[in-house]
Amino acid sequence: MSRILAIDYGRKRTGIAVTDTMQIIAGGLTTVATNELLDFILKYIKEEPVECIIIGLPRQMNNEVSESMQYIRPFINNLRKKIPDMTIELVDERFTSVLAHRTMLEAGLKKKDRQNKSLVDEISATIILQTYLESKRY
């Protein structure tokens, strides 16, 4: 089997998570500068088998997409041009940052570590990926 890659897209930084090859466990991979994201993904999928890419869909409480989508849409379009055969799916990312902070608290991370925005982005991507995996199981 191949991996599933998840992206928590941000204007400055983007968190990335990936499954194991059996697609059972979601784990944080890294955080990259958003302007380097496309190159990172293209390089990663050359080195590792990736079945699909999951991207966090920013929604507001009223279920409308948030203004962040204006930055994500062009990225998705560019990604589809570069790798047209890759499946790209969007997953609701509401509350992922809140859940990431809660996860960090429950893990006992120190305040300084919890303020690490890159770590929050990576954990958020992991939560997006875990949400996707759970939706596929049911």
N, C-alpha and C. Protein backbone atom coordinates (compact mmCIF):
# COMPACT_ATOMS: atom_id res chain seq x y z
N MET A 1 0.84 -1.20 0.00
CA MET A 1 0.00 0.00 0.00
C MET A 1 0.87 1.25 0.00
N SER A 2 0.21 2.36 -0.08
CA SER A 2 0.94 3.61 -0.08
C SER A 2 0.41 4.54 1.01
N ARG A 3 1.08 5.61 1.20
CA ARG A 3 0.76 6.56 2.27
C ARG A 3 -0.33 7.54 1.86
N ILE A 4 -0.90 8.18 2.87
CA ILE A 4 -1.80 9.31 2.66
C ILE A 4 -1.12 10.50 3.32
N LEU A 5 -1.05 11.60 2.60
CA LEU A 5 -0.39 12.81 3.07
C LEU A 5 -1.45 13.84 3.41
N ALA A 6 -1.30 14.53 4.53
CA ALA A 6 -2.26 15.57 4.92
C ALA A 6 -1.55 16.90 5.09
N ILE A 7 -2.28 17.97 4.75
CA ILE A 7 -1.72 19.32 4.77
C ILE A 7 -2.62 20.24 5.58
N ASP A 8 -2.02 20.94 6.54
CA ASP A 8 -2.70 22.03 7.24
C ASP A 8 -2.08 23.30 6.68
N TYR A 9 -2.71 23.83 5.63
CA TYR A 9 -2.16 24.94 4.86
C TYR A 9 -2.27 26.25 5.65
N GLY A 10 -1.15 26.96 5.69
CA GLY A 10 -1.13 28.28 6.32
C GLY A 10 -0.44 29.26 5.40
N ARG A 11 -0.66 30.53 5.62
CA ARG A 11 -0.06 31.53 4.73
C ARG A 11 1.46 31.56 4.86
N LYS A 12 1.99 31.34 6.06
CA LYS A 12 3.44 31.36 6.27
C LYS A 12 4.03 29.96 6.37
N ARG A 13 3.38 29.12 7.18
CA ARG A 13 3.86 27.77 7.45
C ARG A 13 2.75 26.77 7.15
N THR A 14 3.17 25.55 6.79
CA THR A 14 2.20 24.50 6.53
C THR A 14 2.63 23.24 7.26
N GLY A 15 1.70 22.71 8.04
CA GLY A 15 1.95 21.46 8.74
C GLY A 15 1.65 20.29 7.83
N ILE A 16 2.47 19.25 7.93
CA ILE A 16 2.30 18.07 7.09
C ILE A 16 2.31 16.83 7.97
N ALA A 17 1.36 15.94 7.69
CA ALA A 17 1.29 14.66 8.39
C ALA A 17 1.18 13.57 7.34
N VAL A 18 1.49 12.35 7.75
CA VAL A 18 1.47 11.23 6.81
C VAL A 18 1.09 9.96 7.55
N THR A 19 0.50 9.02 6.82
CA THR A 19 0.21 7.72 7.42
C THR A 19 1.39 6.78 7.21
N ASP A 20 1.33 5.67 7.91
CA ASP A 20 2.25 4.58 7.61
C ASP A 20 1.77 3.95 6.29
N THR A 21 2.52 3.02 5.76
CA THR A 21 2.14 2.44 4.46
C THR A 21 0.88 1.58 4.55
N MET A 22 0.51 1.14 5.74
CA MET A 22 -0.71 0.37 5.92
C MET A 22 -1.93 1.28 6.10
N GLN A 23 -1.68 2.58 6.18
CA GLN A 23 -2.72 3.60 6.35
C GLN A 23 -3.53 3.40 7.63
N ILE A 24 -2.82 3.05 8.70
CA ILE A 24 -3.46 2.83 9.99
C ILE A 24 -3.18 3.98 10.94
N ILE A 25 -1.94 4.43 10.97
CA ILE A 25 -1.51 5.43 11.94
C ILE A 25 -1.17 6.74 11.25
N ALA A 26 -1.71 7.84 11.78
CA ALA A 26 -1.36 9.18 11.30
C ALA A 26 -0.29 9.76 12.21
N GLY A 27 0.73 10.33 11.60
CA GLY A 27 1.80 10.93 12.40
C GLY A 27 2.28 12.21 11.76
N GLY A 28 2.73 13.13 12.58
CA GLY A 28 3.28 14.38 12.06
C GLY A 28 4.56 14.11 11.30
N LEU A 29 4.72 14.78 10.19
CA LEU A 29 5.93 14.63 9.38
C LEU A 29 6.85 15.82 9.59
N THR A 30 6.33 17.02 9.32
CA THR A 30 7.16 18.22 9.44
C THR A 30 6.29 19.46 9.26
N THR A 31 6.91 20.59 9.35
CA THR A 31 6.31 21.87 8.99
C THR A 31 7.26 22.53 8.00
N VAL A 32 6.71 23.03 6.91
CA VAL A 32 7.55 23.69 5.91
C VAL A 32 7.03 25.10 5.65
N ALA A 33 7.92 25.96 5.19
CA ALA A 33 7.49 27.29 4.76
C ALA A 33 6.54 27.10 3.58
N THR A 34 5.43 27.79 3.59
CA THR A 34 4.41 27.59 2.57
C THR A 34 4.94 27.85 1.16
N ASN A 35 5.87 28.79 1.03
CA ASN A 35 6.42 29.05 -0.31
C ASN A 35 7.30 27.91 -0.81
N GLU A 36 7.64 26.95 0.04
CA GLU A 36 8.43 25.79 -0.34
C GLU A 36 7.57 24.52 -0.39
N LEU A 37 6.27 24.65 -0.13
CA LEU A 37 5.39 23.50 0.02
C LEU A 37 5.28 22.64 -1.23
N LEU A 38 5.04 23.25 -2.36
CA LEU A 38 4.86 22.47 -3.59
C LEU A 38 6.11 21.65 -3.91
N ASP A 39 7.28 22.27 -3.80
CA ASP A 39 8.53 21.55 -4.05
C ASP A 39 8.71 20.40 -3.06
N PHE A 40 8.36 20.65 -1.80
CA PHE A 40 8.48 19.61 -0.79
C PHE A 40 7.59 18.41 -1.14
N ILE A 41 6.35 18.68 -1.50
CA ILE A 41 5.41 17.59 -1.83
C ILE A 41 5.89 16.81 -3.05
N LEU A 42 6.30 17.52 -4.09
CA LEU A 42 6.78 16.85 -5.31
C LEU A 42 7.97 15.95 -5.01
N LYS A 43 8.88 16.43 -4.19
CA LYS A 43 10.05 15.63 -3.81
C LYS A 43 9.62 14.43 -2.97
N TYR A 44 8.71 14.66 -2.03
CA TYR A 44 8.27 13.58 -1.14
C TYR A 44 7.59 12.45 -1.92
N ILE A 45 6.72 12.80 -2.86
CA ILE A 45 6.00 11.75 -3.59
C ILE A 45 6.90 11.01 -4.59
N LYS A 46 8.06 11.58 -4.90
CA LYS A 46 9.04 10.84 -5.71
C LYS A 46 9.75 9.79 -4.86
N GLU A 47 9.91 10.09 -3.57
CA GLU A 47 10.64 9.20 -2.66
C GLU A 47 9.74 8.18 -1.98
N GLU A 48 8.48 8.52 -1.76
CA GLU A 48 7.55 7.66 -1.04
C GLU A 48 6.28 7.46 -1.86
N PRO A 49 5.69 6.27 -1.81
CA PRO A 49 4.42 6.06 -2.51
C PRO A 49 3.28 6.77 -1.75
N VAL A 50 2.60 7.67 -2.43
CA VAL A 50 1.49 8.41 -1.83
C VAL A 50 0.24 8.16 -2.66
N GLU A 51 -0.80 7.71 -2.00
CA GLU A 51 -2.07 7.39 -2.67
C GLU A 51 -2.94 8.63 -2.88
N CYS A 52 -3.00 9.47 -1.85
CA CYS A 52 -3.80 10.69 -1.99
C CYS A 52 -3.29 11.76 -1.03
N ILE A 53 -3.73 12.98 -1.29
CA ILE A 53 -3.36 14.13 -0.46
C ILE A 53 -4.64 14.71 0.12
N ILE A 54 -4.62 14.91 1.43
CA ILE A 54 -5.75 15.48 2.15
C ILE A 54 -5.37 16.90 2.54
N ILE A 55 -6.25 17.84 2.27
CA ILE A 55 -5.99 19.24 2.61
C ILE A 55 -7.10 19.74 3.53
N GLY A 56 -6.70 20.40 4.60
CA GLY A 56 -7.67 20.95 5.54
C GLY A 56 -8.52 22.01 4.87
N LEU A 57 -9.83 21.87 5.01
CA LEU A 57 -10.80 22.83 4.46
C LEU A 57 -11.22 23.77 5.57
N PRO A 58 -10.83 25.04 5.47
CA PRO A 58 -11.18 25.99 6.53
C PRO A 58 -12.65 26.43 6.42
N ARG A 59 -13.41 26.11 7.44
CA ARG A 59 -14.82 26.49 7.48
C ARG A 59 -15.08 27.34 8.72
N GLN A 60 -16.08 28.20 8.58
CA GLN A 60 -16.53 29.00 9.71
C GLN A 60 -17.61 28.22 10.45
N MET A 61 -18.05 28.74 11.57
CA MET A 61 -19.07 28.06 12.37
C MET A 61 -20.39 27.91 11.62
N ASN A 62 -20.68 28.83 10.68
CA ASN A 62 -21.93 28.74 9.91
C ASN A 62 -21.79 27.80 8.71
N ASN A 63 -20.69 27.06 8.64
CA ASN A 63 -20.41 26.07 7.62
C ASN A 63 -19.94 26.65 6.28
N GLU A 64 -19.79 27.96 6.18
CA GLU A 64 -19.24 28.56 4.97
C GLU A 64 -17.72 28.47 5.02
N VAL A 65 -17.10 28.41 3.84
CA VAL A 65 -15.64 28.38 3.84
C VAL A 65 -15.11 29.74 4.29
N SER A 66 -13.99 29.72 4.98
CA SER A 66 -13.42 30.96 5.49
C SER A 66 -12.62 31.67 4.40
N GLU A 67 -12.19 32.87 4.71
CA GLU A 67 -11.44 33.65 3.71
C GLU A 67 -10.08 33.03 3.41
N SER A 68 -9.60 32.14 4.25
CA SER A 68 -8.33 31.46 3.99
C SER A 68 -8.38 30.64 2.71
N MET A 69 -9.58 30.28 2.29
CA MET A 69 -9.72 29.47 1.08
C MET A 69 -9.18 30.20 -0.15
N GLN A 70 -9.15 31.54 -0.12
CA GLN A 70 -8.62 32.29 -1.26
C GLN A 70 -7.14 32.01 -1.47
N TYR A 71 -6.44 31.55 -0.43
CA TYR A 71 -5.02 31.20 -0.56
C TYR A 71 -4.85 29.71 -0.88
N ILE A 72 -5.77 28.91 -0.39
CA ILE A 72 -5.68 27.46 -0.57
C ILE A 72 -6.08 27.04 -1.98
N ARG A 73 -7.12 27.67 -2.52
CA ARG A 73 -7.62 27.29 -3.85
C ARG A 73 -6.53 27.34 -4.93
N PRO A 74 -5.77 28.44 -5.03
CA PRO A 74 -4.70 28.48 -6.06
C PRO A 74 -3.65 27.39 -5.84
N PHE A 75 -3.35 27.09 -4.57
CA PHE A 75 -2.40 26.03 -4.28
C PHE A 75 -2.93 24.69 -4.79
N ILE A 76 -4.19 24.40 -4.51
CA ILE A 76 -4.80 23.14 -4.95
C ILE A 76 -4.79 23.05 -6.47
N ASN A 77 -5.14 24.15 -7.13
CA ASN A 77 -5.13 24.16 -8.60
C ASN A 77 -3.74 23.88 -9.14
N ASN A 78 -2.74 24.48 -8.55
CA ASN A 78 -1.35 24.28 -8.97
C ASN A 78 -0.92 22.84 -8.71
N LEU A 79 -1.31 22.31 -7.56
CA LEU A 79 -0.99 20.93 -7.21
C LEU A 79 -1.61 19.95 -8.21
N ARG A 80 -2.85 20.22 -8.59
CA ARG A 80 -3.54 19.35 -9.56
C ARG A 80 -2.87 19.41 -10.94
N LYS A 81 -2.32 20.57 -11.30
CA LYS A 81 -1.61 20.69 -12.57
C LYS A 81 -0.30 19.88 -12.54
N LYS A 82 0.39 19.94 -11.42
CA LYS A 82 1.69 19.28 -11.29
C LYS A 82 1.56 17.76 -11.18
N ILE A 83 0.52 17.31 -10.46
CA ILE A 83 0.32 15.87 -10.28
C ILE A 83 -1.16 15.54 -10.55
N PRO A 84 -1.53 15.55 -11.83
CA PRO A 84 -2.95 15.40 -12.21
C PRO A 84 -3.56 14.05 -11.83
N ASP A 85 -2.76 13.01 -11.67
CA ASP A 85 -3.29 11.69 -11.34
C ASP A 85 -3.48 11.48 -9.84
N MET A 86 -3.05 12.44 -9.04
CA MET A 86 -3.15 12.31 -7.59
C MET A 86 -4.55 12.69 -7.12
N THR A 87 -5.12 11.86 -6.24
CA THR A 87 -6.40 12.19 -5.62
C THR A 87 -6.14 13.25 -4.55
N ILE A 88 -6.93 14.32 -4.60
CA ILE A 88 -6.82 15.39 -3.61
C ILE A 88 -8.20 15.58 -3.00
N GLU A 89 -8.27 15.46 -1.68
CA GLU A 89 -9.55 15.60 -0.99
C GLU A 89 -9.42 16.67 0.09
N LEU A 90 -10.55 17.31 0.37
CA LEU A 90 -10.61 18.33 1.41
C LEU A 90 -11.34 17.77 2.62
N VAL A 91 -10.83 18.09 3.81
CA VAL A 91 -11.43 17.64 5.07
C VAL A 91 -11.61 18.85 5.97
N ASP A 92 -12.79 18.95 6.56
CA ASP A 92 -13.11 20.05 7.47
C ASP A 92 -12.05 20.15 8.56
N GLU A 93 -11.49 21.33 8.71
CA GLU A 93 -10.42 21.51 9.70
C GLU A 93 -10.83 22.37 10.88
N ARG A 94 -12.13 22.60 11.04
CA ARG A 94 -12.56 23.40 12.19
C ARG A 94 -12.06 22.77 13.49
N PHE A 95 -11.62 23.59 14.37
CA PHE A 95 -11.17 23.22 15.71
C PHE A 95 -9.84 22.46 15.76
N THR A 96 -9.17 22.26 14.63
CA THR A 96 -7.93 21.49 14.70
C THR A 96 -6.86 22.20 15.52
N SER A 97 -6.79 23.53 15.43
CA SER A 97 -5.79 24.24 16.23
C SER A 97 -6.10 24.13 17.72
N VAL A 98 -7.39 24.20 18.06
CA VAL A 98 -7.80 24.05 19.46
C VAL A 98 -7.46 22.65 19.95
N LEU A 99 -7.77 21.66 19.13
CA LEU A 99 -7.45 20.27 19.50
C LEU A 99 -5.95 20.05 19.59
N ALA A 100 -5.19 20.71 18.72
CA ALA A 100 -3.73 20.59 18.77
C ALA A 100 -3.20 21.14 20.09
N HIS A 101 -3.69 22.30 20.50
CA HIS A 101 -3.25 22.88 21.78
C HIS A 101 -3.65 21.98 22.94
N ARG A 102 -4.85 21.43 22.89
CA ARG A 102 -5.30 20.52 23.95
C ARG A 102 -4.42 19.28 24.00
N THR A 103 -4.08 18.76 22.84
CA THR A 103 -3.22 17.58 22.76
C THR A 103 -1.86 17.88 23.38
N MET A 104 -1.34 19.05 23.10
CA MET A 104 -0.04 19.45 23.65
C MET A 104 -0.11 19.57 25.17
N LEU A 105 -1.22 20.12 25.68
CA LEU A 105 -1.40 20.23 27.13
C LEU A 105 -1.46 18.85 27.76
N GLU A 106 -2.27 17.97 27.16
CA GLU A 106 -2.44 16.62 27.70
C GLU A 106 -1.14 15.82 27.63
N ALA A 107 -0.30 16.14 26.67
CA ALA A 107 0.98 15.45 26.55
C ALA A 107 2.00 15.98 27.55
N GLY A 108 1.64 17.04 28.25
CA GLY A 108 2.52 17.59 29.27
C GLY A 108 3.63 18.47 28.73
N LEU A 109 3.45 19.02 27.53
CA LEU A 109 4.48 19.88 26.98
C LEU A 109 4.57 21.19 27.77
N LYS A 110 5.77 21.69 27.91
CA LYS A 110 5.99 22.95 28.61
C LYS A 110 5.40 24.10 27.81
N LYS A 111 5.15 25.20 28.50
CA LYS A 111 4.53 26.36 27.86
C LYS A 111 5.31 26.82 26.64
N LYS A 112 6.63 26.84 26.75
CA LYS A 112 7.46 27.28 25.62
C LYS A 112 7.24 26.38 24.41
N ASP A 113 7.16 25.07 24.62
CA ASP A 113 6.93 24.13 23.53
C ASP A 113 5.53 24.30 22.93
N ARG A 114 4.55 24.60 23.80
CA ARG A 114 3.17 24.79 23.32
C ARG A 114 3.03 26.05 22.48
N GLN A 115 3.97 26.98 22.61
CA GLN A 115 3.94 28.21 21.83
C GLN A 115 4.62 28.05 20.48
N ASN A 116 5.17 26.90 20.22
CA ASN A 116 5.85 26.61 18.96
C ASN A 116 4.78 26.43 17.87
N LYS A 117 4.60 27.44 17.05
CA LYS A 117 3.55 27.41 16.02
C LYS A 117 3.77 26.32 14.99
N SER A 118 5.01 26.00 14.71
CA SER A 118 5.30 24.92 13.76
C SER A 118 4.79 23.59 14.29
N LEU A 119 4.96 23.36 15.58
CA LEU A 119 4.48 22.12 16.19
C LEU A 119 2.96 22.08 16.16
N VAL A 120 2.31 23.21 16.42
CA VAL A 120 0.85 23.28 16.36
C VAL A 120 0.37 22.94 14.96
N ASP A 121 1.04 23.47 13.93
CA ASP A 121 0.65 23.19 12.54
C ASP A 121 0.81 21.71 12.20
N GLU A 122 1.89 21.11 12.67
CA GLU A 122 2.13 19.69 12.39
C GLU A 122 1.10 18.81 13.10
N ILE A 123 0.78 19.16 14.33
CA ILE A 123 -0.24 18.39 15.07
C ILE A 123 -1.61 18.60 14.42
N SER A 124 -1.90 19.81 13.96
CA SER A 124 -3.16 20.07 13.27
C SER A 124 -3.29 19.22 12.01
N ALA A 125 -2.21 19.09 11.26
CA ALA A 125 -2.22 18.25 10.06
C ALA A 125 -2.48 16.79 10.45
N THR A 126 -1.91 16.38 11.55
CA THR A 126 -2.12 15.01 12.03
C THR A 126 -3.59 14.79 12.40
N ILE A 127 -4.20 15.78 13.03
CA ILE A 127 -5.61 15.68 13.40
C ILE A 127 -6.49 15.63 12.16
N ILE A 128 -6.16 16.44 11.15
CA ILE A 128 -6.90 16.41 9.88
C ILE A 128 -6.81 15.02 9.27
N LEU A 129 -5.61 14.45 9.27
CA LEU A 129 -5.40 13.13 8.69
C LEU A 129 -6.14 12.05 9.49
N GLN A 130 -6.09 12.16 10.81
CA GLN A 130 -6.79 11.18 11.65
C GLN A 130 -8.30 11.26 11.42
N THR A 131 -8.83 12.47 11.25
CA THR A 131 -10.25 12.65 10.96
C THR A 131 -10.61 11.97 9.65
N TYR A 132 -9.76 12.13 8.65
CA TYR A 132 -9.99 11.49 7.36
C TYR A 132 -9.97 9.97 7.49
N LEU A 133 -8.98 9.45 8.19
CA LEU A 133 -8.87 8.00 8.35
C LEU A 133 -10.09 7.42 9.06
N GLU A 134 -10.55 8.12 10.10
CA GLU A 134 -11.72 7.64 10.83
C GLU A 134 -12.98 7.69 9.97
N SER A 135 -13.10 8.71 9.12
CA SER A 135 -14.27 8.79 8.25
C SER A 135 -14.27 7.66 7.22
N LYS A 136 -13.09 7.21 6.81
CA LYS A 136 -12.99 6.12 5.85
C LYS A 136 -13.33 4.77 6.49
N ARG A 137 -13.05 4.66 7.78
CA ARG A 137 -13.30 3.39 8.47
C ARG A 137 -14.79 3.16 8.72
N TYR A 138 -15.55 4.25 8.80
CA TYR A 138 -16.98 4.09 9.14
C TYR A 138 -17.82 4.33 7.94
